[in-house]
Amino acid sequence: MSTRSLRIIAAAAFALLMPVVALAHAHPKVMDPAPGATVTAPKHVSIVFSEALDPKFSSLHLTRQSGQAVGTTSSTVAADDPKHMTLDLPMLSPGVYVVHWVSVATDGHRLEGSYDFTVK
């Protein structure tokens, strides 16, 4: 097989693999309240992700540091900004809270994580 043939085969294989490289995960970019922050009681938690979210499978929920769930509302992904997810909160008393997030990008990739903040 000639060098030219090998280059053509290599280029074709690379082109076939390119769509796999383009798949992305939705990572948190901006979190409010921020991780580790001490704040007055917020009315909501919001996260802006790096990629558009699938609202059916993405979520935020809040617990106390002890693991007890806080609130009963479901998080929402903004209709006008599919990278922005928000959770409305009840009035929070002072203490440490943990935000748990699940992001499923529109390409189906799933990530999850958590972080805490303190209400003074």
Protein backbone atom coordinates (compact mmCIF):
# COMPACT_ATOMS: atom_id res chain seq x y z
CA MET A 1 0.00 0.00 0.00
CA SER A 2 1.39 3.41 -0.94
CA THR A 3 2.02 6.26 1.45
CA ARG A 4 -0.72 8.26 -0.30
CA SER A 5 -3.26 5.45 0.28
CA LEU A 6 -2.31 5.28 3.95
CA ARG A 7 -2.82 9.04 4.31
CA ILE A 8 -6.24 8.85 2.67
CA ILE A 9 -7.29 5.99 4.98
CA ALA A 10 -5.97 7.87 8.04
CA ALA A 11 -7.82 11.05 7.01
CA ALA A 12 -11.06 9.12 6.49
CA ALA A 13 -10.75 7.43 9.89
CA PHE A 14 -10.08 10.80 11.55
CA ALA A 15 -13.13 12.33 9.86
CA LEU A 16 -15.34 9.48 11.10
CA LEU A 17 -14.13 9.97 14.68
CA MET A 18 -14.61 13.76 14.73
CA PRO A 19 -18.31 13.67 15.79
CA VAL A 20 -17.34 11.68 18.90
CA VAL A 21 -14.91 14.42 19.93
CA ALA A 22 -17.63 17.06 19.52
CA LEU A 23 -19.84 15.48 22.20
CA ALA A 24 -19.80 17.55 25.38
CA HIS A 25 -20.71 17.43 29.03
CA ALA A 26 -22.63 20.23 30.77
CA HIS A 27 -20.28 21.49 33.49
CA PRO A 28 -21.33 24.16 36.02
CA LYS A 29 -19.87 27.55 35.09
CA VAL A 30 -21.63 30.05 37.36
CA MET A 31 -23.24 28.99 40.65
CA ASP A 32 -25.38 31.27 42.82
CA PRO A 33 -24.88 31.11 45.73
CA ALA A 34 -21.26 30.25 45.00
CA PRO A 35 -19.58 27.17 46.46
CA GLY A 36 -18.37 27.88 49.99
CA ALA A 37 -20.13 31.27 50.14
CA THR A 38 -21.72 32.68 53.30
CA VAL A 39 -24.88 34.55 52.33
CA THR A 40 -28.15 35.91 53.65
CA ALA A 41 -31.01 33.50 52.93
CA PRO A 42 -31.28 33.26 49.11
CA LYS A 43 -34.65 32.98 47.36
CA HIS A 44 -33.27 30.57 44.78
CA VAL A 45 -30.25 28.55 43.71
CA SER A 46 -29.17 28.84 40.10
CA ILE A 47 -26.46 27.30 37.99
CA VAL A 48 -25.40 28.27 34.48
CA PHE A 49 -23.88 25.29 32.67
CA SER A 50 -21.41 25.13 29.79
CA GLU A 51 -23.88 23.31 27.50
CA ALA A 52 -27.63 23.26 26.88
CA LEU A 53 -29.49 20.96 29.27
CA ASP A 54 -32.17 18.37 28.71
CA PRO A 55 -34.81 19.63 31.19
CA LYS A 56 -36.43 16.19 31.56
CA PHE A 57 -33.30 14.69 33.09
CA SER A 58 -31.46 17.65 34.68
CA SER A 59 -32.20 18.78 38.23
CA LEU A 60 -31.20 20.75 41.30
CA HIS A 61 -32.20 19.98 44.84
CA LEU A 62 -31.16 21.28 48.23
CA THR A 63 -30.49 19.50 51.50
CA ARG A 64 -29.35 20.54 54.92
CA GLN A 65 -25.84 19.41 55.84
CA SER A 66 -27.49 16.49 57.70
CA GLY A 67 -29.01 15.25 54.41
CA GLN A 68 -32.59 16.37 55.17
CA ALA A 69 -34.33 17.63 52.01
CA VAL A 70 -35.26 21.31 51.87
CA GLY A 71 -38.33 22.49 49.94
CA THR A 72 -40.72 20.67 47.66
CA THR A 73 -40.48 22.57 44.40
CA SER A 74 -38.81 21.18 41.29
CA SER A 75 -35.99 22.93 39.50
CA THR A 76 -36.56 24.45 36.07
CA VAL A 77 -34.44 25.06 33.00
CA ALA A 78 -35.07 28.52 31.54
CA ALA A 79 -37.00 28.39 28.27
CA ASP A 80 -34.97 31.31 26.87
CA ASP A 81 -31.59 29.98 28.11
CA PRO A 82 -31.29 26.16 28.12
CA LYS A 83 -27.96 26.40 29.97
CA HIS A 84 -29.57 28.04 33.05
CA MET A 85 -31.27 25.97 35.76
CA THR A 86 -32.97 27.42 38.86
CA LEU A 87 -34.50 26.06 42.06
CA ASP A 88 -36.85 28.31 44.06
CA LEU A 89 -36.31 27.99 47.81
CA PRO A 90 -38.42 28.37 50.94
CA MET A 91 -37.16 30.75 53.65
CA LEU A 92 -33.89 29.23 54.87
CA SER A 93 -32.74 29.37 58.48
CA PRO A 94 -29.06 29.84 59.34
CA GLY A 95 -26.91 26.78 58.65
CA VAL A 96 -25.00 24.85 56.02
CA TYR A 97 -26.86 23.70 52.90
CA VAL A 98 -25.81 21.39 50.09
CA VAL A 99 -26.80 21.92 46.45
CA HIS A 100 -27.04 18.67 44.51
CA TRP A 101 -27.07 18.98 40.72
CA VAL A 102 -27.54 16.63 37.81
CA SER A 103 -26.86 17.88 34.31
CA VAL A 104 -27.79 15.95 31.21
CA ALA A 105 -26.62 17.69 28.06
CA THR A 106 -28.82 17.57 24.99
CA ASP A 107 -26.42 14.98 23.55
CA GLY A 108 -27.26 12.67 26.50
CA HIS A 109 -24.07 12.96 28.55
CA ARG A 110 -24.80 12.99 32.30
CA LEU A 111 -22.80 14.61 35.09
CA GLU A 112 -23.64 15.16 38.74
CA GLY A 113 -22.11 16.88 41.71
CA SER A 114 -22.72 18.91 44.81
CA TYR A 115 -21.37 21.87 46.74
CA ASP A 116 -22.27 23.67 49.95
CA PHE A 117 -22.94 27.20 51.09
CA THR A 118 -23.77 28.74 54.46
CA VAL A 119 -26.73 30.92 55.40
CA LYS A 120 -25.83 33.40 58.14
